[in-house]
Structures are given as structure tokens and as C-alpha cells.
Amino acid sequence: MDVNATKIGQIIFVITVIMVFFTLRFAKGKTTNLPLIGFYAILLNVIFAPAGWIYCWYWSTKPMLPKE
């Protein structure tokens, strides 16, 4: 079996970009530090992808911050 590391890297990169986009979209209006959420999403998706998916789900279910 021929393993192509370039293709695997491209797949991981595309999945990371998609998950970071959705995580930031879900977290908008629910946090005061959006860049940190994006950084955590990148780290989780690169190191251990299922954790990044759970992190995205967490932000999709979190309630909005109250308006002041």
C-alpha cells in the first residue's frame, strides 16, 4: 500500500480550515476573546481532530452572552 503523505497533509489542512471557520462562526457573540477560540480550534484540529470537532460542538450549543 502506498501512503502519500502530501495527500494526508492536504486533507488535514482542509478539515482544519473548515472546522476553525465553523467554530469561530458558532463562537461569535458567545465569547469576548474570539482570537483565542480560533487558536484553540487550530491546535485541537491539528493535534487531535476529534477533540476539535467536540470543541466546535461545544461552541454551537453554548448560549449567547447577555447584552449589556
PDB file of N, CA and C in Angstrom:
ATOM      1  N   MET A   1       0.842  -1.171   0.000  1.00  0.00           N
ATOM      2  CA  MET A   1       0.000   0.000   0.000  1.00  0.00           C
ATOM      3  C   MET A   1       0.890   1.238   0.000  1.00  0.00           C
ATOM      4  N   ASP A   2       0.588   2.154  -0.872  1.00  0.00           N
ATOM      5  CA  ASP A   2       1.375   3.371  -0.997  1.00  0.00           C
ATOM      6  C   ASP A   2       0.695   4.498  -0.215  1.00  0.00           C
ATOM      7  N   VAL A   3       1.395   5.008   0.807  1.00  0.00           N
ATOM      8  CA  VAL A   3       0.867   6.095   1.627  1.00  0.00           C
ATOM      9  C   VAL A   3       1.451   7.397   1.101  1.00  0.00           C
ATOM     10  N   ASN A   4       0.590   8.305   0.724  1.00  0.00           N
ATOM     11  CA  ASN A   4       1.017   9.585   0.190  1.00  0.00           C
ATOM     12  C   ASN A   4       0.861  10.645   1.282  1.00  0.00           C
ATOM     13  N   ALA A   5       1.991  11.048   1.882  1.00  0.00           N
ATOM     14  CA  ALA A   5       1.958  11.992   3.000  1.00  0.00           C
ATOM     15  C   ALA A   5       1.448  13.364   2.570  1.00  0.00           C
ATOM     16  N   THR A   6       1.679  13.733   1.319  1.00  0.00           N
ATOM     17  CA  THR A   6       1.207  15.026   0.841  1.00  0.00           C
ATOM     18  C   THR A   6      -0.316  15.081   0.832  1.00  0.00           C
ATOM     19  N   LYS A   7      -0.950  14.040   0.357  1.00  0.00           N
ATOM     20  CA  LYS A   7      -2.419  13.996   0.329  1.00  0.00           C
ATOM     21  C   LYS A   7      -2.987  14.007   1.745  1.00  0.00           C
ATOM     22  N   ILE A   8      -2.373  13.263   2.646  1.00  0.00           N
ATOM     23  CA  ILE A   8      -2.851  13.228   4.028  1.00  0.00           C
ATOM     24  C   ILE A   8      -2.728  14.612   4.657  1.00  0.00           C
ATOM     25  N   GLY A   9      -1.621  15.291   4.422  1.00  0.00           N
ATOM     26  CA  GLY A   9      -1.433  16.645   4.942  1.00  0.00           C
ATOM     27  C   GLY A   9      -2.439  17.622   4.378  1.00  0.00           C
ATOM     28  N   GLN A  10      -2.742  17.491   3.096  1.00  0.00           N
ATOM     29  CA  GLN A  10      -3.737  18.371   2.473  1.00  0.00           C
ATOM     30  C   GLN A  10      -5.121  18.135   3.051  1.00  0.00           C
ATOM     31  N   ILE A  11      -5.462  16.890   3.296  1.00  0.00           N
ATOM     32  CA  ILE A  11      -6.766  16.558   3.876  1.00  0.00           C
ATOM     33  C   ILE A  11      -6.872  17.127   5.288  1.00  0.00           C
ATOM     34  N   ILE A  12      -5.823  16.963   6.095  1.00  0.00           N
ATOM     35  CA  ILE A  12      -5.826  17.504   7.459  1.00  0.00           C
ATOM     36  C   ILE A  12      -5.949  19.022   7.418  1.00  0.00           C
ATOM     37  N   PHE A  13      -5.251  19.668   6.494  1.00  0.00           N
ATOM     38  CA  PHE A  13      -5.311  21.127   6.381  1.00  0.00           C
ATOM     39  C   PHE A  13      -6.715  21.605   6.017  1.00  0.00           C
ATOM     40  N   VAL A  14      -7.344  20.957   5.052  1.00  0.00           N
ATOM     41  CA  VAL A  14      -8.696  21.355   4.626  1.00  0.00           C
ATOM     42  C   VAL A  14      -9.700  21.158   5.756  1.00  0.00           C
ATOM     43  N   ILE A  15      -9.624  20.036   6.453  1.00  0.00           N
ATOM     44  CA  ILE A  15     -10.537  19.778   7.574  1.00  0.00           C
ATOM     45  C   ILE A  15     -10.313  20.805   8.679  1.00  0.00           C
ATOM     46  N   THR A  16      -9.054  21.154   8.935  1.00  0.00           N
ATOM     47  CA  THR A  16      -8.749  22.154   9.960  1.00  0.00           C
ATOM     48  C   THR A  16      -9.340  23.509   9.595  1.00  0.00           C
ATOM     49  N   VAL A  17      -9.179  23.934   8.353  1.00  0.00           N
ATOM     50  CA  VAL A  17      -9.719  25.226   7.922  1.00  0.00           C
ATOM     51  C   VAL A  17     -11.242  25.248   8.057  1.00  0.00           C
ATOM     52  N   ILE A  18     -11.894  24.182   7.651  1.00  0.00           N
ATOM     53  CA  ILE A  18     -13.356  24.105   7.732  1.00  0.00           C
ATOM     54  C   ILE A  18     -13.819  24.138   9.191  1.00  0.00           C
ATOM     55  N   MET A  19     -13.180  23.358  10.057  1.00  0.00           N
ATOM     56  CA  MET A  19     -13.600  23.301  11.453  1.00  0.00           C
ATOM     57  C   MET A  19     -13.317  24.609  12.189  1.00  0.00           C
ATOM     58  N   VAL A  20     -12.208  25.265  11.883  1.00  0.00           N
ATOM     59  CA  VAL A  20     -11.919  26.554  12.518  1.00  0.00           C
ATOM     60  C   VAL A  20     -12.948  27.596  12.081  1.00  0.00           C
ATOM     61  N   PHE A  21     -13.301  27.589  10.802  1.00  0.00           N
ATOM     62  CA  PHE A  21     -14.318  28.518  10.307  1.00  0.00           C
ATOM     63  C   PHE A  21     -15.635  28.326  11.049  1.00  0.00           C
ATOM     64  N   PHE A  22     -16.097  27.084  11.165  1.00  0.00           N
ATOM     65  CA  PHE A  22     -17.373  26.841  11.842  1.00  0.00           C
ATOM     66  C   PHE A  22     -17.285  27.116  13.337  1.00  0.00           C
ATOM     67  N   THR A  23     -16.159  26.799  13.961  1.00  0.00           N
ATOM     68  CA  THR A  23     -16.005  27.082  15.388  1.00  0.00           C
ATOM     69  C   THR A  23     -16.079  28.579  15.644  1.00  0.00           C
ATOM     70  N   LEU A  24     -15.383  29.366  14.827  1.00  0.00           N
ATOM     71  CA  LEU A  24     -15.425  30.820  15.006  1.00  0.00           C
ATOM     72  C   LEU A  24     -16.809  31.375  14.712  1.00  0.00           C
ATOM     73  N   ARG A  25     -17.479  30.806  13.738  1.00  0.00           N
ATOM     74  CA  ARG A  25     -18.834  31.267  13.411  1.00  0.00           C
ATOM     75  C   ARG A  25     -19.804  30.981  14.567  1.00  0.00           C
ATOM     76  N   PHE A  26     -19.684  29.793  15.160  1.00  0.00           N
ATOM     77  CA  PHE A  26     -20.545  29.445  16.288  1.00  0.00           C
ATOM     78  C   PHE A  26     -20.196  30.249  17.538  1.00  0.00           C
ATOM     79  N   ALA A  27     -18.911  30.572  17.740  1.00  0.00           N
ATOM     80  CA  ALA A  27     -18.475  31.267  18.958  1.00  0.00           C
ATOM     81  C   ALA A  27     -18.712  32.767  18.902  1.00  0.00           C
ATOM     82  N   LYS A  28     -18.999  33.292  17.730  1.00  0.00           N
ATOM     83  CA  LYS A  28     -19.210  34.738  17.603  1.00  0.00           C
ATOM     84  C   LYS A  28     -20.448  35.146  18.408  1.00  0.00           C
ATOM     85  N   GLY A  29     -20.269  36.125  19.285  1.00  0.00           N
ATOM     86  CA  GLY A  29     -21.354  36.573  20.147  1.00  0.00           C
ATOM     87  C   GLY A  29     -21.480  35.777  21.429  1.00  0.00           C
ATOM     88  N   LYS A  30     -20.638  34.742  21.586  1.00  0.00           N
ATOM     89  CA  LYS A  30     -20.698  33.911  22.784  1.00  0.00           C
ATOM     90  C   LYS A  30     -19.436  34.030  23.632  1.00  0.00           C
ATOM     91  N   THR A  31     -18.454  34.787  23.152  1.00  0.00           N
ATOM     92  CA  THR A  31     -17.202  34.950  23.866  1.00  0.00           C
ATOM     93  C   THR A  31     -16.679  36.365  23.676  1.00  0.00           C
ATOM     94  N   THR A  32     -15.792  36.763  24.570  1.00  0.00           N
ATOM     95  CA  THR A  32     -15.170  38.074  24.439  1.00  0.00           C
ATOM     96  C   THR A  32     -13.766  37.980  23.837  1.00  0.00           C
ATOM     97  N   ASN A  33     -13.249  36.773  23.649  1.00  0.00           N
ATOM     98  CA  ASN A  33     -11.894  36.592  23.133  1.00  0.00           C
ATOM     99  C   ASN A  33     -11.916  35.625  21.947  1.00  0.00           C
ATOM    100  N   LEU A  34     -12.389  36.081  20.818  1.00  0.00           N
ATOM    101  CA  LEU A  34     -12.528  35.239  19.633  1.00  0.00           C
ATOM    102  C   LEU A  34     -11.198  34.745  19.070  1.00  0.00           C
ATOM    103  N   PRO A  35     -10.107  35.544  19.070  1.00  0.00           N
ATOM    104  CA  PRO A  35      -8.832  35.017  18.562  1.00  0.00           C
ATOM    105  C   PRO A  35      -8.317  33.814  19.350  1.00  0.00           C
ATOM    106  N   LEU A  36      -8.540  33.799  20.667  1.00  0.00           N
ATOM    107  CA  LEU A  36      -8.114  32.660  21.468  1.00  0.00           C
ATOM    108  C   LEU A  36      -8.908  31.408  21.115  1.00  0.00           C
ATOM    109  N   ILE A  37     -10.181  31.559  20.842  1.00  0.00           N
ATOM    110  CA  ILE A  37     -11.018  30.431  20.424  1.00  0.00           C
ATOM    111  C   ILE A  37     -10.494  29.865  19.111  1.00  0.00           C
ATOM    112  N   GLY A  38     -10.130  30.751  18.178  1.00  0.00           N
ATOM    113  CA  GLY A  38      -9.568  30.296  16.906  1.00  0.00           C
ATOM    114  C   GLY A  38      -8.249  29.572  17.091  1.00  0.00           C
ATOM    115  N   PHE A  39      -7.396  30.083  17.974  1.00  0.00           N
ATOM    116  CA  PHE A  39      -6.112  29.435  18.242  1.00  0.00           C
ATOM    117  C   PHE A  39      -6.321  28.043  18.826  1.00  0.00           C
ATOM    118  N   TYR A  40      -7.219  27.921  19.797  1.00  0.00           N
ATOM    119  CA  TYR A  40      -7.512  26.611  20.383  1.00  0.00           C
ATOM    120  C   TYR A  40      -8.088  25.655  19.342  1.00  0.00           C
ATOM    121  N   ALA A  41      -8.939  26.164  18.485  1.00  0.00           N
ATOM    122  CA  ALA A  41      -9.525  25.313  17.444  1.00  0.00           C
ATOM    123  C   ALA A  41      -8.448  24.794  16.495  1.00  0.00           C
ATOM    124  N   ILE A  42      -7.502  25.647  16.119  1.00  0.00           N
ATOM    125  CA  ILE A  42      -6.409  25.203  15.249  1.00  0.00           C
ATOM    126  C   ILE A  42      -5.574  24.132  15.942  1.00  0.00           C
ATOM    127  N   LEU A  43      -5.205  24.384  17.196  1.00  0.00           N
ATOM    128  CA  LEU A  43      -4.395  23.405  17.921  1.00  0.00           C
ATOM    129  C   LEU A  43      -5.094  22.061  18.050  1.00  0.00           C
ATOM    130  N   LEU A  44      -6.349  22.093  18.441  1.00  0.00           N
ATOM    131  CA  LEU A  44      -7.076  20.834  18.629  1.00  0.00           C
ATOM    132  C   LEU A  44      -7.249  20.078  17.323  1.00  0.00           C
ATOM    133  N   ASN A  45      -7.517  20.777  16.226  1.00  0.00           N
ATOM    134  CA  ASN A  45      -7.719  20.094  14.959  1.00  0.00           C
ATOM    135  C   ASN A  45      -6.423  19.543  14.378  1.00  0.00           C
ATOM    136  N   VAL A  46      -5.309  20.185  14.635  1.00  0.00           N
ATOM    137  CA  VAL A  46      -4.030  19.689  14.123  1.00  0.00           C
ATOM    138  C   VAL A  46      -3.504  18.547  14.985  1.00  0.00           C
ATOM    139  N   ILE A  47      -3.619  18.679  16.310  1.00  0.00           N
ATOM    140  CA  ILE A  47      -3.071  17.660  17.211  1.00  0.00           C
ATOM    141  C   ILE A  47      -3.970  16.426  17.272  1.00  0.00           C
ATOM    142  N   PHE A  48      -5.271  16.643  17.478  1.00  0.00           N
ATOM    143  CA  PHE A  48      -6.202  15.518  17.629  1.00  0.00           C
ATOM    144  C   PHE A  48      -7.568  15.964  17.117  1.00  0.00           C
ATOM    145  N   ALA A  49      -7.852  15.644  15.877  1.00  0.00           N
ATOM    146  CA  ALA A  49      -9.032  16.175  15.183  1.00  0.00           C
ATOM    147  C   ALA A  49     -10.364  15.944  15.912  1.00  0.00           C
ATOM    148  N   PRO A  50     -10.652  14.754  16.437  1.00  0.00           N
ATOM    149  CA  PRO A  50     -11.957  14.604  17.109  1.00  0.00           C
ATOM    150  C   PRO A  50     -12.158  15.580  18.268  1.00  0.00           C
ATOM    151  N   ALA A  51     -11.094  15.971  18.934  1.00  0.00           N
ATOM    152  CA  ALA A  51     -11.229  16.965  20.006  1.00  0.00           C
ATOM    153  C   ALA A  51     -11.649  18.312  19.423  1.00  0.00           C
ATOM    154  N   GLY A  52     -11.170  18.648  18.245  1.00  0.00           N
ATOM    155  CA  GLY A  52     -11.577  19.874  17.574  1.00  0.00           C
ATOM    156  C   GLY A  52     -13.042  19.848  17.187  1.00  0.00           C
ATOM    157  N   TRP A  53     -13.533  18.690  16.816  1.00  0.00           N
ATOM    158  CA  TRP A  53     -14.947  18.561  16.463  1.00  0.00           C
ATOM    159  C   TRP A  53     -15.816  18.735  17.699  1.00  0.00           C
ATOM    160  N   ILE A  54     -15.384  18.182  18.815  1.00  0.00           N
ATOM    161  CA  ILE A  54     -16.121  18.328  20.076  1.00  0.00           C
ATOM    162  C   ILE A  54     -16.099  19.787  20.528  1.00  0.00           C
ATOM    163  N   TYR A  55     -14.963  20.454  20.338  1.00  0.00           N
ATOM    164  CA  TYR A  55     -14.841  21.873  20.686  1.00  0.00           C
ATOM    165  C   TYR A  55     -15.793  22.714  19.839  1.00  0.00           C
ATOM    166  N   CYS A  56     -15.915  22.393  18.571  1.00  0.00           N
ATOM    167  CA  CYS A  56     -16.860  23.090  17.691  1.00  0.00           C
ATOM    168  C   CYS A  56     -18.295  22.850  18.166  1.00  0.00           C
ATOM    169  N   TRP A  57     -18.609  21.627  18.524  1.00  0.00           N
ATOM    170  CA  TRP A  57     -19.945  21.299  19.023  1.00  0.00           C
ATOM    171  C   TRP A  57     -20.229  22.057  20.317  1.00  0.00           C
ATOM    172  N   TYR A  58     -19.213  22.173  21.192  1.00  0.00           N
ATOM    173  CA  TYR A  58     -19.370  22.901  22.454  1.00  0.00           C
ATOM    174  C   TYR A  58     -19.791  24.343  22.188  1.00  0.00           C
ATOM    175  N   TRP A  59     -19.137  25.004  21.242  1.00  0.00           N
ATOM    176  CA  TRP A  59     -19.472  26.395  20.957  1.00  0.00           C
ATOM    177  C   TRP A  59     -20.807  26.512  20.235  1.00  0.00           C
ATOM    178  N   SER A  60     -21.229  25.486  19.534  1.00  0.00           N
ATOM    179  CA  SER A  60     -22.530  25.560  18.864  1.00  0.00           C
ATOM    180  C   SER A  60     -23.687  25.444  19.847  1.00  0.00           C
ATOM    181  N   THR A  61     -23.454  24.812  20.991  1.00  0.00           N
ATOM    182  CA  THR A  61     -24.521  24.627  21.980  1.00  0.00           C
ATOM    183  C   THR A  61     -24.482  25.645  23.110  1.00  0.00           C
ATOM    184  N   LYS A  62     -23.419  26.413  23.223  1.00  0.00           N
ATOM    185  CA  LYS A  62     -23.282  27.397  24.302  1.00  0.00           C
ATOM    186  C   LYS A  62     -24.242  28.577  24.058  1.00  0.00           C
ATOM    187  N   PRO A  63     -24.875  29.072  25.130  1.00  0.00           N
ATOM    188  CA  PRO A  63     -25.819  30.195  24.950  1.00  0.00           C
ATOM    189  C   PRO A  63     -25.070  31.510  24.668  1.00  0.00           C
ATOM    190  N   MET A  64     -25.777  32.440  24.075  1.00  0.00           N
ATOM    191  CA  MET A  64     -25.219  33.767  23.756  1.00  0.00           C
ATOM    192  C   MET A  64     -24.951  34.534  25.048  1.00  0.00           C
ATOM    193  N   LEU A  65     -23.989  35.449  24.992  1.00  0.00           N
ATOM    194  CA  LEU A  65     -23.709  36.322  26.127  1.00  0.00           C
ATOM    195  C   LEU A  65     -24.849  37.323  26.280  1.00  0.00           C
ATOM    196  N   PRO A  66     -25.166  37.693  27.527  1.00  0.00           N
ATOM    197  CA  PRO A  66     -26.221  38.697  27.715  1.00  0.00           C
ATOM    198  C   PRO A  66     -25.763  40.057  27.221  1.00  0.00           C
ATOM    199  N   LYS A  67     -26.689  40.797  26.651  1.00  0.00           N
ATOM    200  CA  LYS A  67     -26.387  42.155  26.170  1.00  0.00           C
ATOM    201  C   LYS A  67     -26.407  43.112  27.342  1.00  0.00           C
ATOM    202  N   GLU A  68     -25.451  44.024  27.340  1.00  0.00           N
ATOM    203  CA  GLU A  68     -25.389  44.968  28.466  1.00  0.00           C
ATOM    204  C   GLU A  68     -25.854  46.333  28.055  1.00  0.00           C
TER     205      GLU A  68
END
